[in-house]
Amino acid sequence: MSAVPPAVAPTEIDTPRTAITWATSVLQAAGVPTPAVDAALLAAHSAGLSRSEFEKALLLGSDIWAAEVSNQFADLVRQRAERVPLQHLTGMGAFRYLELAVGPGVFIPRPETEVVAQQGIDFALELPQPALLVDLCTGSGAIAISLLTEVPGAQVYAVELDRAAHAWAAKNVAANPNAHGQVVQLVRGDARTALPQLNGTVDAVISNPPYVPPGHIPREVEVSVHDPQVALYGLGDDGLEVPRGITLAAARLLRPGGLYVMEHAEVQALGAREMVDATGYFEPARTILDLTGRDRMVVARRNTRPFEAGSVLEGQPL
């Protein structure tokens, strides 16, 4: 982590272009992966504009840069140089076609999870009837809201136990109805036991649960310091203790032929498949890659074996 950049007189960043040039150099020196992009986004946010509105204003030479904007921008750049997540500074995180409210206490949606959501969306779009879909460990609500807004007629439930994350999800659910004004049915509770009224009827269960294995502390400061620990670490020697409970919940909820999709770490591909297969409730599991070619998710179809109440997997009760 770099030191806080020195104070900057407003006259040194008194136009948006000089401000972005200064910020890019500061963020690059701090090791921020995308310094120019972050600088431009922080400048737009400081000016109270979207990225496209900001770029248009630059082209037109509009007067958008007052002294107070410079001061706010400089402060945000200093925080970003300390590796405070960009999304915490702007209050928004992008996911597929959504702009979601995010901040301290909720896991910031990642691009790789967009591919996880895509598996559920593609499956649901092929169904002959309106889909019944469930997102377990919903966090910000990113997967659930994407399912609702991209699958016409879908009925979507989402479950989140953590109080802070649930509050963020509730905010995003309310702000993102589908084309008919319907919203995700959000439940605060234990994903392992939630939604008993849906047992055996759900078309697809999609989940991005905590799964980081012990000893695999994320290298990015934005993740290791600022993402909530409860949303990162899956517990157990292999990081799959929480996912085992989620997998049994999926087996309980899904109808025969229903789809289960769960995100995992690249090093967990074999373990995740073995975990799913060990339940006896699924057809042989497969690993799907993300857009970077990394093992990213386990995917399996529910078989016809009736779910047995009290099923356990590796000693983890449902």
C-alpha atoms as a PDB file:
ATOM      1  CA  MET A   1       0.000   0.000   0.000  1.00  0.00           C
ATOM      2  CA  SER A   2       1.433   3.386  -0.945  1.00  0.00           C
ATOM      3  CA  ALA A   3       1.636   6.461   1.196  1.00  0.00           C
ATOM      4  CA  VAL A   4      -1.106   9.052   0.992  1.00  0.00           C
ATOM      5  CA  PRO A   5      -0.350  11.404  -1.907  1.00  0.00           C
ATOM      6  CA  PRO A   6       0.655  14.930  -0.936  1.00  0.00           C
ATOM      7  CA  ALA A   7      -1.875  17.721  -0.678  1.00  0.00           C
ATOM      8  CA  VAL A   8      -2.661  19.355  -3.969  1.00  0.00           C
ATOM      9  CA  ALA A   9      -3.579  22.980  -4.364  1.00  0.00           C
ATOM     10  CA  PRO A  10      -6.908  23.405  -6.217  1.00  0.00           C
ATOM     11  CA  THR A  11      -5.121  25.469  -8.883  1.00  0.00           C
ATOM     12  CA  GLU A  12      -3.081  22.398  -9.827  1.00  0.00           C
ATOM     13  CA  ILE A  13      -6.231  20.403 -10.668  1.00  0.00           C
ATOM     14  CA  ASP A  14      -8.502  23.264 -11.618  1.00  0.00           C
ATOM     15  CA  THR A  15      -9.795  21.628 -14.810  1.00  0.00           C
ATOM     16  CA  PRO A  16     -11.130  18.107 -15.274  1.00  0.00           C
ATOM     17  CA  ARG A  17      -8.368  17.202 -17.707  1.00  0.00           C
ATOM     18  CA  THR A  18      -5.532  18.304 -15.430  1.00  0.00           C
ATOM     19  CA  ALA A  19      -7.305  16.608 -12.537  1.00  0.00           C
ATOM     20  CA  ILE A  20      -7.539  13.287 -14.375  1.00  0.00           C
ATOM     21  CA  THR A  21      -3.885  13.493 -15.447  1.00  0.00           C
ATOM     22  CA  TRP A  22      -2.820  14.101 -11.839  1.00  0.00           C
ATOM     23  CA  ALA A  23      -5.070  11.365 -10.469  1.00  0.00           C
ATOM     24  CA  THR A  24      -3.908   8.815 -13.018  1.00  0.00           C
ATOM     25  CA  SER A  25      -0.289   9.327 -12.015  1.00  0.00           C
ATOM     26  CA  VAL A  26      -1.134   9.111  -8.312  1.00  0.00           C
ATOM     27  CA  LEU A  27      -3.173   5.937  -8.696  1.00  0.00           C
ATOM     28  CA  GLN A  28      -0.609   4.332 -10.962  1.00  0.00           C
ATOM     29  CA  ALA A  29       2.085   4.965  -8.357  1.00  0.00           C
ATOM     30  CA  ALA A  30      -0.175   3.409  -5.726  1.00  0.00           C
ATOM     31  CA  GLY A  31      -0.501   0.197  -7.734  1.00  0.00           C
ATOM     32  CA  VAL A  32      -4.171   0.613  -8.628  1.00  0.00           C
ATOM     33  CA  PRO A  33      -4.784  -1.806 -11.534  1.00  0.00           C
ATOM     34  CA  THR A  34      -6.766   0.600 -13.741  1.00  0.00           C
ATOM     35  CA  PRO A  35      -5.584   4.105 -12.796  1.00  0.00           C
ATOM     36  CA  ALA A  36      -6.897   6.012 -15.825  1.00  0.00           C
ATOM     37  CA  VAL A  37     -10.337   4.414 -15.670  1.00  0.00           C
ATOM     38  CA  ASP A  38     -10.620   4.977 -11.926  1.00  0.00           C
ATOM     39  CA  ALA A  39      -9.478   8.582 -12.269  1.00  0.00           C
ATOM     40  CA  ALA A  40     -12.137   9.291 -14.893  1.00  0.00           C
ATOM     41  CA  LEU A  41     -14.883   7.595 -12.862  1.00  0.00           C
ATOM     42  CA  LEU A  42     -13.950   9.508  -9.715  1.00  0.00           C
ATOM     43  CA  ALA A  43     -13.913  12.761 -11.679  1.00  0.00           C
ATOM     44  CA  ALA A  44     -17.390  12.071 -13.060  1.00  0.00           C
ATOM     45  CA  HIS A  45     -18.657  11.137  -9.609  1.00  0.00           C
ATOM     46  CA  SER A  46     -17.184  14.297  -8.083  1.00  0.00           C
ATOM     47  CA  ALA A  47     -18.932  16.371 -10.744  1.00  0.00           C
ATOM     48  CA  GLY A  48     -22.236  14.606 -10.048  1.00  0.00           C
ATOM     49  CA  LEU A  49     -22.384  13.107 -13.545  1.00  0.00           C
ATOM     50  CA  SER A  50     -22.450   9.679 -15.110  1.00  0.00           C
ATOM     51  CA  ARG A  51     -19.378   8.609 -17.073  1.00  0.00           C
ATOM     52  CA  SER A  52     -21.109   9.296 -20.404  1.00  0.00           C
ATOM     53  CA  GLU A  53     -22.450  12.679 -19.219  1.00  0.00           C
ATOM     54  CA  PHE A  54     -18.980  13.600 -17.995  1.00  0.00           C
ATOM     55  CA  GLU A  55     -17.333  12.697 -21.301  1.00  0.00           C
ATOM     56  CA  LYS A  56     -19.957  14.681 -23.203  1.00  0.00           C
ATOM     57  CA  ALA A  57     -19.351  17.692 -20.975  1.00  0.00           C
ATOM     58  CA  LEU A  58     -15.626  17.466 -21.671  1.00  0.00           C
ATOM     59  CA  LEU A  59     -16.228  17.438 -25.409  1.00  0.00           C
ATOM     60  CA  LEU A  60     -18.568  20.418 -25.207  1.00  0.00           C
ATOM     61  CA  GLY A  61     -16.311  22.347 -22.842  1.00  0.00           C
ATOM     62  CA  SER A  62     -19.098  22.678 -20.286  1.00  0.00           C
ATOM     63  CA  ASP A  63     -18.384  24.355 -16.963  1.00  0.00           C
ATOM     64  CA  ILE A  64     -18.496  21.386 -14.573  1.00  0.00           C
ATOM     65  CA  TRP A  65     -15.403  21.902 -12.424  1.00  0.00           C
ATOM     66  CA  ALA A  66     -15.702  24.251  -9.459  1.00  0.00           C
ATOM     67  CA  ALA A  67     -13.264  24.503  -6.534  1.00  0.00           C
ATOM     68  CA  GLU A  68     -15.425  22.296  -4.326  1.00  0.00           C
ATOM     69  CA  VAL A  69     -15.414  19.631  -7.041  1.00  0.00           C
ATOM     70  CA  SER A  70     -11.608  19.757  -7.122  1.00  0.00           C
ATOM     71  CA  ASN A  71     -11.422  19.365  -3.357  1.00  0.00           C
ATOM     72  CA  GLN A  72     -13.815  16.424  -3.296  1.00  0.00           C
ATOM     73  CA  PHE A  73     -12.000  14.786  -6.186  1.00  0.00           C
ATOM     74  CA  ALA A  74      -8.597  15.143  -4.514  1.00  0.00           C
ATOM     75  CA  ASP A  75      -9.959  13.551  -1.342  1.00  0.00           C
ATOM     76  CA  LEU A  76     -11.448  10.615  -3.253  1.00  0.00           C
ATOM     77  CA  VAL A  77      -8.198  10.063  -5.142  1.00  0.00           C
ATOM     78  CA  ARG A  78      -6.264   9.943  -1.871  1.00  0.00           C
ATOM     79  CA  GLN A  79      -8.660   7.311  -0.548  1.00  0.00           C
ATOM     80  CA  ARG A  80      -8.419   5.272  -3.744  1.00  0.00           C
ATOM     81  CA  ALA A  81      -4.623   5.463  -3.518  1.00  0.00           C
ATOM     82  CA  GLU A  82      -4.992   3.841  -0.099  1.00  0.00           C
ATOM     83  CA  ARG A  83      -6.869   1.080  -1.963  1.00  0.00           C
ATOM     84  CA  VAL A  84     -10.332   1.860  -0.702  1.00  0.00           C
ATOM     85  CA  PRO A  85     -12.490   0.155  -3.357  1.00  0.00           C
ATOM     86  CA  LEU A  86     -13.676   2.400  -6.156  1.00  0.00           C
ATOM     87  CA  GLN A  87     -17.217   1.108  -5.596  1.00  0.00           C
ATOM     88  CA  HIS A  88     -17.142   2.231  -1.949  1.00  0.00           C
ATOM     89  CA  LEU A  89     -16.174   5.721  -3.054  1.00  0.00           C
ATOM     90  CA  THR A  90     -18.840   6.028  -5.741  1.00  0.00           C
ATOM     91  CA  GLY A  91     -21.440   3.939  -3.915  1.00  0.00           C
ATOM     92  CA  MET A  92     -22.175   1.912  -7.033  1.00  0.00           C
ATOM     93  CA  GLY A  93     -21.019  -1.350  -8.565  1.00  0.00           C
ATOM     94  CA  ALA A  94     -21.660  -2.586 -12.096  1.00  0.00           C
ATOM     95  CA  PHE A  95     -22.961  -6.096 -12.745  1.00  0.00           C
ATOM     96  CA  ARG A  96     -24.156  -7.172 -16.185  1.00  0.00           C
ATOM     97  CA  TYR A  97     -26.826  -4.566 -17.097  1.00  0.00           C
ATOM     98  CA  LEU A  98     -27.225  -3.313 -13.531  1.00  0.00           C
ATOM     99  CA  GLU A  99     -25.845  -0.482 -11.421  1.00  0.00           C
ATOM    100  CA  LEU A 100     -26.097  -1.697  -7.833  1.00  0.00           C
ATOM    101  CA  ALA A 101     -25.714   0.187  -4.574  1.00  0.00           C
ATOM    102  CA  VAL A 102     -22.736  -1.220  -2.672  1.00  0.00           C
ATOM    103  CA  GLY A 103     -20.540  -0.182   0.220  1.00  0.00           C
ATOM    104  CA  PRO A 104     -18.963  -1.435   3.447  1.00  0.00           C
ATOM    105  CA  GLY A 105     -20.636  -4.617   4.661  1.00  0.00           C
ATOM    106  CA  VAL A 106     -21.431  -6.225   1.317  1.00  0.00           C
ATOM    107  CA  PHE A 107     -19.341  -8.174  -1.180  1.00  0.00           C
ATOM    108  CA  ILE A 108     -18.675  -6.136  -4.320  1.00  0.00           C
ATOM    109  CA  PRO A 109     -19.984  -7.977  -7.425  1.00  0.00           C
ATOM    110  CA  ARG A 110     -17.219  -9.260  -9.691  1.00  0.00           C
ATOM    111  CA  PRO A 111     -17.143  -9.672 -13.499  1.00  0.00           C
ATOM    112  CA  GLU A 112     -16.453 -13.411 -13.165  1.00  0.00           C
ATOM    113  CA  THR A 113     -19.763 -13.884 -11.376  1.00  0.00           C
ATOM    114  CA  GLU A 114     -21.567 -12.484 -14.416  1.00  0.00           C
ATOM    115  CA  VAL A 115     -20.756 -15.779 -16.168  1.00  0.00           C
ATOM    116  CA  VAL A 116     -22.232 -17.711 -13.236  1.00  0.00           C
ATOM    117  CA  ALA A 117     -25.462 -15.758 -13.598  1.00  0.00           C
ATOM    118  CA  GLN A 118     -25.397 -16.385 -17.345  1.00  0.00           C
ATOM    119  CA  GLN A 119     -25.631 -20.138 -16.797  1.00  0.00           C
ATOM    120  CA  GLY A 120     -28.871 -19.716 -14.892  1.00  0.00           C
ATOM    121  CA  ILE A 121     -30.255 -17.178 -17.361  1.00  0.00           C
ATOM    122  CA  ASP A 122     -29.545 -19.364 -20.395  1.00  0.00           C
ATOM    123  CA  PHE A 123     -31.167 -22.382 -18.730  1.00  0.00           C
ATOM    124  CA  ALA A 124     -34.251 -20.428 -17.650  1.00  0.00           C
ATOM    125  CA  LEU A 125     -34.772 -18.894 -21.092  1.00  0.00           C
ATOM    126  CA  GLU A 126     -35.076 -22.372 -22.610  1.00  0.00           C
ATOM    127  CA  LEU A 127     -37.819 -23.550 -20.246  1.00  0.00           C
ATOM    128  CA  PRO A 128     -41.324 -23.997 -21.675  1.00  0.00           C
ATOM    129  CA  GLN A 129     -42.868 -22.412 -18.587  1.00  0.00           C
ATOM    130  CA  PRO A 130     -42.064 -19.299 -16.504  1.00  0.00           C
ATOM    131  CA  ALA A 131     -39.023 -20.082 -14.398  1.00  0.00           C
ATOM    132  CA  LEU A 132     -38.865 -20.381 -10.611  1.00  0.00           C
ATOM    133  CA  LEU A 133     -35.337 -19.387  -9.609  1.00  0.00           C
ATOM    134  CA  VAL A 134     -33.441 -19.084  -6.330  1.00  0.00           C
ATOM    135  CA  ASP A 135     -30.236 -17.220  -5.447  1.00  0.00           C
ATOM    136  CA  LEU A 136     -28.662 -18.449  -2.197  1.00  0.00           C
ATOM    137  CA  CYS A 137     -26.203 -16.148  -0.379  1.00  0.00           C
ATOM    138  CA  THR A 138     -27.335 -13.252  -2.541  1.00  0.00           C
ATOM    139  CA  GLY A 139     -25.123 -10.519  -1.043  1.00  0.00           C
ATOM    140  CA  SER A 140     -25.922  -7.333  -2.949  1.00  0.00           C
ATOM    141  CA  GLY A 141     -28.665  -9.134  -4.886  1.00  0.00           C
ATOM    142  CA  ALA A 142     -26.658  -9.056  -8.123  1.00  0.00           C
ATOM    143  CA  ILE A 143     -27.451 -12.566  -9.374  1.00  0.00           C
ATOM    144  CA  ALA A 144     -31.092 -12.542  -8.277  1.00  0.00           C
ATOM    145  CA  ILE A 145     -31.879  -9.172  -9.858  1.00  0.00           C
ATOM    146  CA  SER A 146     -30.134 -10.176 -13.081  1.00  0.00           C
ATOM    147  CA  LEU A 147     -32.292 -13.314 -13.219  1.00  0.00           C
ATOM    148  CA  LEU A 148     -35.448 -11.295 -12.621  1.00  0.00           C
ATOM    149  CA  THR A 149     -34.705  -8.589 -15.166  1.00  0.00           C
ATOM    150  CA  GLU A 150     -33.281 -10.825 -17.915  1.00  0.00           C
ATOM    151  CA  VAL A 151     -35.680 -13.802 -17.794  1.00  0.00           C
ATOM    152  CA  PRO A 152     -39.212 -12.765 -18.796  1.00  0.00           C
ATOM    153  CA  GLY A 153     -41.867 -14.053 -16.425  1.00  0.00           C
ATOM    154  CA  ALA A 154     -39.396 -15.453 -13.907  1.00  0.00           C
ATOM    155  CA  GLN A 155     -40.256 -15.631 -10.237  1.00  0.00           C
ATOM    156  CA  VAL A 156     -37.062 -15.116  -8.246  1.00  0.00           C
ATOM    157  CA  TYR A 157     -36.283 -15.664  -4.576  1.00  0.00           C
ATOM    158  CA  ALA A 158     -33.069 -14.583  -2.859  1.00  0.00           C
ATOM    159  CA  VAL A 159     -31.724 -15.514   0.570  1.00  0.00           C
ATOM    160  CA  GLU A 160     -29.151 -13.664   2.683  1.00  0.00           C
ATOM    161  CA  LEU A 161     -28.341 -14.199   6.361  1.00  0.00           C
ATOM    162  CA  ASP A 162     -25.911 -11.376   7.119  1.00  0.00           C
ATOM    163  CA  ARG A 163     -27.708  -8.273   8.383  1.00  0.00           C
ATOM    164  CA  ALA A 164     -25.538  -5.701   6.586  1.00  0.00           C
ATOM    165  CA  ALA A 165     -25.557  -7.533   3.259  1.00  0.00           C
ATOM    166  CA  HIS A 166     -29.319  -8.074   3.501  1.00  0.00           C
ATOM    167  CA  ALA A 167     -29.826  -4.332   3.920  1.00  0.00           C
ATOM    168  CA  TRP A 168     -27.854  -3.649   0.739  1.00  0.00           C
ATOM    169  CA  ALA A 169     -29.801  -6.354  -1.108  1.00  0.00           C
ATOM    170  CA  ALA A 170     -33.106  -4.883   0.040  1.00  0.00           C
ATOM    171  CA  LYS A 171     -32.090  -1.478  -1.298  1.00  0.00           C
ATOM    172  CA  ASN A 172     -31.123  -2.937  -4.673  1.00  0.00           C
ATOM    173  CA  VAL A 173     -34.203  -5.149  -4.917  1.00  0.00           C
ATOM    174  CA  ALA A 174     -36.483  -2.156  -4.361  1.00  0.00           C
ATOM    175  CA  ALA A 175     -34.617  -0.116  -6.974  1.00  0.00           C
ATOM    176  CA  ASN A 176     -34.615  -2.793  -9.679  1.00  0.00           C
ATOM    177  CA  PRO A 177     -38.049  -4.200 -10.533  1.00  0.00           C
ATOM    178  CA  ASN A 178     -38.557  -6.048 -13.772  1.00  0.00           C
ATOM    179  CA  ALA A 179     -40.479  -4.668 -16.739  1.00  0.00           C
ATOM    180  CA  HIS A 180     -43.781  -5.490 -15.026  1.00  0.00           C
ATOM    181  CA  GLY A 181     -42.887  -3.897 -11.701  1.00  0.00           C
ATOM    182  CA  GLN A 182     -42.223  -7.199  -9.932  1.00  0.00           C
ATOM    183  CA  VAL A 183     -39.282  -7.495  -7.566  1.00  0.00           C
ATOM    184  CA  VAL A 184     -37.122 -10.277  -6.179  1.00  0.00           C
ATOM    185  CA  GLN A 185     -38.636 -11.994  -3.135  1.00  0.00           C
ATOM    186  CA  LEU A 186     -35.875 -11.364  -0.601  1.00  0.00           C
ATOM    187  CA  VAL A 187     -35.638 -13.471   2.547  1.00  0.00           C
ATOM    188  CA  ARG A 188     -33.303 -12.953   5.497  1.00  0.00           C
ATOM    189  CA  GLY A 189     -32.350 -16.364   6.801  1.00  0.00           C
ATOM    190  CA  ASP A 190     -30.052 -19.375   6.722  1.00  0.00           C
ATOM    191  CA  ALA A 191     -29.671 -20.494   3.121  1.00  0.00           C
ATOM    192  CA  ARG A 192     -29.408 -24.117   4.252  1.00  0.00           C
ATOM    193  CA  THR A 193     -32.964 -24.177   5.583  1.00  0.00           C
ATOM    194  CA  ALA A 194     -34.729 -21.244   3.911  1.00  0.00           C
ATOM    195  CA  LEU A 195     -37.723 -21.444   1.563  1.00  0.00           C
ATOM    196  CA  PRO A 196     -39.141 -24.840   2.668  1.00  0.00           C
ATOM    197  CA  GLN A 197     -42.364 -23.992   0.837  1.00  0.00           C
ATOM    198  CA  LEU A 198     -40.438 -24.317  -2.444  1.00  0.00           C
ATOM    199  CA  ASN A 199     -38.978 -27.765  -1.781  1.00  0.00           C
ATOM    200  CA  GLY A 200     -38.813 -29.843  -4.944  1.00  0.00           C
ATOM    201  CA  THR A 201     -40.269 -27.165  -7.231  1.00  0.00           C
ATOM    202  CA  VAL A 202     -37.408 -24.821  -8.156  1.00  0.00           C
ATOM    203  CA  ASP A 203     -36.073 -24.791 -11.723  1.00  0.00           C
ATOM    204  CA  ALA A 204     -32.600 -23.463 -10.932  1.00  0.00           C
ATOM    205  CA  VAL A 205     -30.526 -22.585  -7.871  1.00  0.00           C
ATOM    206  CA  ILE A 206     -27.590 -20.253  -8.461  1.00  0.00           C
ATOM    207  CA  SER A 207     -25.168 -19.338  -5.701  1.00  0.00           C
ATOM    208  CA  ASN A 208     -21.970 -17.418  -5.109  1.00  0.00           C
ATOM    209  CA  PRO A 209     -21.384 -18.490  -1.505  1.00  0.00           C
ATOM    210  CA  PRO A 210     -18.331 -17.832   0.664  1.00  0.00           C
ATOM    211  CA  TYR A 211     -15.703 -20.283  -0.609  1.00  0.00           C
ATOM    212  CA  VAL A 212     -12.174 -18.879  -0.239  1.00  0.00           C
ATOM    213  CA  PRO A 213     -10.010 -21.668   1.259  1.00  0.00           C
ATOM    214  CA  PRO A 214      -7.997 -21.073   4.429  1.00  0.00           C
ATOM    215  CA  GLY A 215      -4.567 -19.656   3.698  1.00  0.00           C
ATOM    216  CA  HIS A 216      -5.678 -18.206   0.358  1.00  0.00           C
ATOM    217  CA  ILE A 217      -5.913 -14.584   1.454  1.00  0.00           C
ATOM    218  CA  PRO A 218      -6.783 -12.495  -1.621  1.00  0.00           C
ATOM    219  CA  ARG A 219      -3.840 -10.453  -2.890  1.00  0.00           C
ATOM    220  CA  GLU A 220      -5.952  -7.409  -3.684  1.00  0.00           C
ATOM    221  CA  VAL A 221      -6.154  -5.046  -0.719  1.00  0.00           C
ATOM    222  CA  GLU A 222      -9.620  -4.001  -1.892  1.00  0.00           C
ATOM    223  CA  VAL A 223     -10.792  -7.575  -1.274  1.00  0.00           C
ATOM    224  CA  SER A 224      -8.750  -8.747   1.718  1.00  0.00           C
ATOM    225  CA  VAL A 225      -9.296  -5.577   3.774  1.00  0.00           C
ATOM    226  CA  HIS A 226     -12.602  -4.154   2.580  1.00  0.00           C
ATOM    227  CA  ASP A 227     -14.832  -7.078   1.553  1.00  0.00           C
ATOM    228  CA  PRO A 228     -16.631  -8.626   4.555  1.00  0.00           C
ATOM    229  CA  GLN A 229     -14.859 -11.734   5.821  1.00  0.00           C
ATOM    230  CA  VAL A 230     -18.168 -13.564   6.164  1.00  0.00           C
ATOM    231  CA  ALA A 231     -18.669 -13.232   2.398  1.00  0.00           C
ATOM    232  CA  LEU A 232     -15.185 -14.532   1.545  1.00  0.00           C
ATOM    233  CA  TYR A 233     -14.145 -17.548   3.561  1.00  0.00           C
ATOM    234  CA  GLY A 234     -15.995 -20.829   3.098  1.00  0.00           C
ATOM    235  CA  LEU A 235     -14.570 -22.488   6.241  1.00  0.00           C
ATOM    236  CA  GLY A 236     -13.240 -26.008   6.605  1.00  0.00           C
ATOM    237  CA  ASP A 237      -9.883 -27.304   5.452  1.00  0.00           C
ATOM    238  CA  ASP A 238     -10.884 -26.897   1.799  1.00  0.00           C
ATOM    239  CA  GLY A 239     -13.070 -23.782   2.045  1.00  0.00           C
ATOM    240  CA  LEU A 240     -16.123 -25.841   1.072  1.00  0.00           C
ATOM    241  CA  GLU A 241     -17.892 -26.162   4.419  1.00  0.00           C
ATOM    242  CA  VAL A 242     -20.415 -23.422   3.608  1.00  0.00           C
ATOM    243  CA  PRO A 243     -20.805 -24.634  -0.011  1.00  0.00           C
ATOM    244  CA  ARG A 244     -21.665 -28.130   1.277  1.00  0.00           C
ATOM    245  CA  GLY A 245     -24.658 -26.713   3.102  1.00  0.00           C
ATOM    246  CA  ILE A 246     -25.644 -24.714   0.025  1.00  0.00           C
ATOM    247  CA  THR A 247     -25.375 -27.803  -2.149  1.00  0.00           C
ATOM    248  CA  LEU A 248     -27.748 -29.769   0.078  1.00  0.00           C
ATOM    249  CA  ALA A 249     -30.141 -26.836   0.107  1.00  0.00           C
ATOM    250  CA  ALA A 250     -30.099 -26.869  -3.696  1.00  0.00           C
ATOM    251  CA  ALA A 251     -30.838 -30.603  -3.674  1.00  0.00           C
ATOM    252  CA  ARG A 252     -33.800 -29.950  -1.371  1.00  0.00           C
ATOM    253  CA  LEU A 253     -35.201 -27.083  -3.445  1.00  0.00           C
ATOM    254  CA  LEU A 254     -34.707 -28.318  -6.993  1.00  0.00           C
ATOM    255  CA  ARG A 255     -37.184 -30.333  -9.021  1.00  0.00           C
ATOM    256  CA  PRO A 256     -35.886 -33.333 -10.998  1.00  0.00           C
ATOM    257  CA  GLY A 257     -33.945 -31.951 -13.959  1.00  0.00           C
ATOM    258  CA  GLY A 258     -33.417 -28.605 -12.226  1.00  0.00           C
ATOM    259  CA  LEU A 259     -30.077 -26.852 -12.533  1.00  0.00           C
ATOM    260  CA  TYR A 260     -27.548 -26.121  -9.786  1.00  0.00           C
ATOM    261  CA  VAL A 261     -24.784 -23.555 -10.418  1.00  0.00           C
ATOM    262  CA  MET A 262     -22.236 -22.605  -7.745  1.00  0.00           C
ATOM    263  CA  GLU A 263     -19.198 -20.358  -8.063  1.00  0.00           C
ATOM    264  CA  HIS A 264     -15.901 -21.545  -6.588  1.00  0.00           C
ATOM    265  CA  ALA A 265     -12.186 -20.780  -6.606  1.00  0.00           C
ATOM    266  CA  GLU A 266      -9.996 -22.085  -9.418  1.00  0.00           C
ATOM    267  CA  VAL A 267      -8.238 -24.506  -7.042  1.00  0.00           C
ATOM    268  CA  GLN A 268     -11.544 -26.027  -5.919  1.00  0.00           C
ATOM    269  CA  ALA A 269     -12.790 -27.445  -9.235  1.00  0.00           C
ATOM    270  CA  LEU A 270     -12.208 -31.110  -8.388  1.00  0.00           C
ATOM    271  CA  GLY A 271     -13.320 -30.693  -4.783  1.00  0.00           C
ATOM    272  CA  ALA A 272     -16.518 -28.930  -5.829  1.00  0.00           C
ATOM    273  CA  ARG A 273     -17.437 -31.670  -8.296  1.00  0.00           C
ATOM    274  CA  GLU A 274     -16.749 -34.356  -5.714  1.00  0.00           C
ATOM    275  CA  MET A 275     -18.830 -32.412  -3.182  1.00  0.00           C
ATOM    276  CA  VAL A 276     -21.837 -32.299  -5.504  1.00  0.00           C
ATOM    277  CA  ASP A 277     -21.482 -35.914  -6.618  1.00  0.00           C
ATOM    278  CA  ALA A 278     -21.172 -37.114  -3.016  1.00  0.00           C
ATOM    279  CA  THR A 279     -24.721 -36.016  -2.214  1.00  0.00           C
ATOM    280  CA  GLY A 280     -26.231 -38.594  -4.531  1.00  0.00           C
ATOM    281  CA  TYR A 281     -28.873 -36.054  -5.578  1.00  0.00           C
ATOM    282  CA  PHE A 282     -27.343 -34.861  -8.848  1.00  0.00           C
ATOM    283  CA  GLU A 283     -26.277 -36.125 -12.225  1.00  0.00           C
ATOM    284  CA  PRO A 284     -22.457 -36.049 -12.608  1.00  0.00           C
ATOM    285  CA  ALA A 285     -21.204 -32.516 -11.985  1.00  0.00           C
ATOM    286  CA  ARG A 286     -19.262 -30.464 -14.529  1.00  0.00           C
ATOM    287  CA  THR A 287     -16.822 -27.579 -14.235  1.00  0.00           C
ATOM    288  CA  ILE A 288     -17.450 -24.455 -16.321  1.00  0.00           C
ATOM    289  CA  LEU A 289     -14.756 -21.878 -17.111  1.00  0.00           C
ATOM    290  CA  ASP A 290     -15.054 -18.120 -16.771  1.00  0.00           C
ATOM    291  CA  LEU A 291     -14.132 -15.670 -19.525  1.00  0.00           C
ATOM    292  CA  THR A 292     -10.453 -15.794 -18.524  1.00  0.00           C
ATOM    293  CA  GLY A 293     -10.346 -19.581 -18.937  1.00  0.00           C
ATOM    294  CA  ARG A 294     -10.258 -20.340 -15.221  1.00  0.00           C
ATOM    295  CA  ASP A 295     -12.274 -23.043 -13.498  1.00  0.00           C
ATOM    296  CA  ARG A 296     -15.056 -20.915 -12.041  1.00  0.00           C
ATOM    297  CA  MET A 297     -18.209 -22.902 -11.252  1.00  0.00           C
ATOM    298  CA  VAL A 298     -19.672 -26.324 -10.698  1.00  0.00           C
ATOM    299  CA  VAL A 299     -22.840 -27.135 -12.639  1.00  0.00           C
ATOM    300  CA  ALA A 300     -25.114 -30.144 -12.186  1.00  0.00           C
ATOM    301  CA  ARG A 301     -28.677 -31.280 -12.892  1.00  0.00           C
ATOM    302  CA  ARG A 302     -30.904 -32.661 -10.138  1.00  0.00           C
ATOM    303  CA  ASN A 303     -31.674 -36.356 -10.487  1.00  0.00           C
ATOM    304  CA  THR A 304     -34.921 -38.082  -9.477  1.00  0.00           C
ATOM    305  CA  ARG A 305     -33.835 -39.339  -6.045  1.00  0.00           C
ATOM    306  CA  PRO A 306     -36.262 -37.993  -3.396  1.00  0.00           C
ATOM    307  CA  PHE A 307     -34.623 -35.673  -0.921  1.00  0.00           C
ATOM    308  CA  GLU A 308     -34.268 -37.144   2.546  1.00  0.00           C
ATOM    309  CA  ALA A 309     -34.826 -34.772   5.457  1.00  0.00           C
ATOM    310  CA  GLY A 310     -31.765 -34.649   7.664  1.00  0.00           C
ATOM    311  CA  SER A 311     -29.328 -35.410   4.838  1.00  0.00           C
ATOM    312  CA  VAL A 312     -25.752 -34.633   5.763  1.00  0.00           C
ATOM    313  CA  LEU A 313     -22.587 -34.143   3.736  1.00  0.00           C
ATOM    314  CA  GLU A 314     -19.201 -34.259   5.410  1.00  0.00           C
ATOM    315  CA  GLY A 315     -20.913 -33.819   8.766  1.00  0.00           C
ATOM    316  CA  GLN A 316     -22.572 -30.532   7.884  1.00  0.00           C
ATOM    317  CA  PRO A 317     -26.289 -30.725   8.783  1.00  0.00           C
ATOM    318  CA  LEU A 318     -28.829 -28.975   6.648  1.00  0.00           C
END
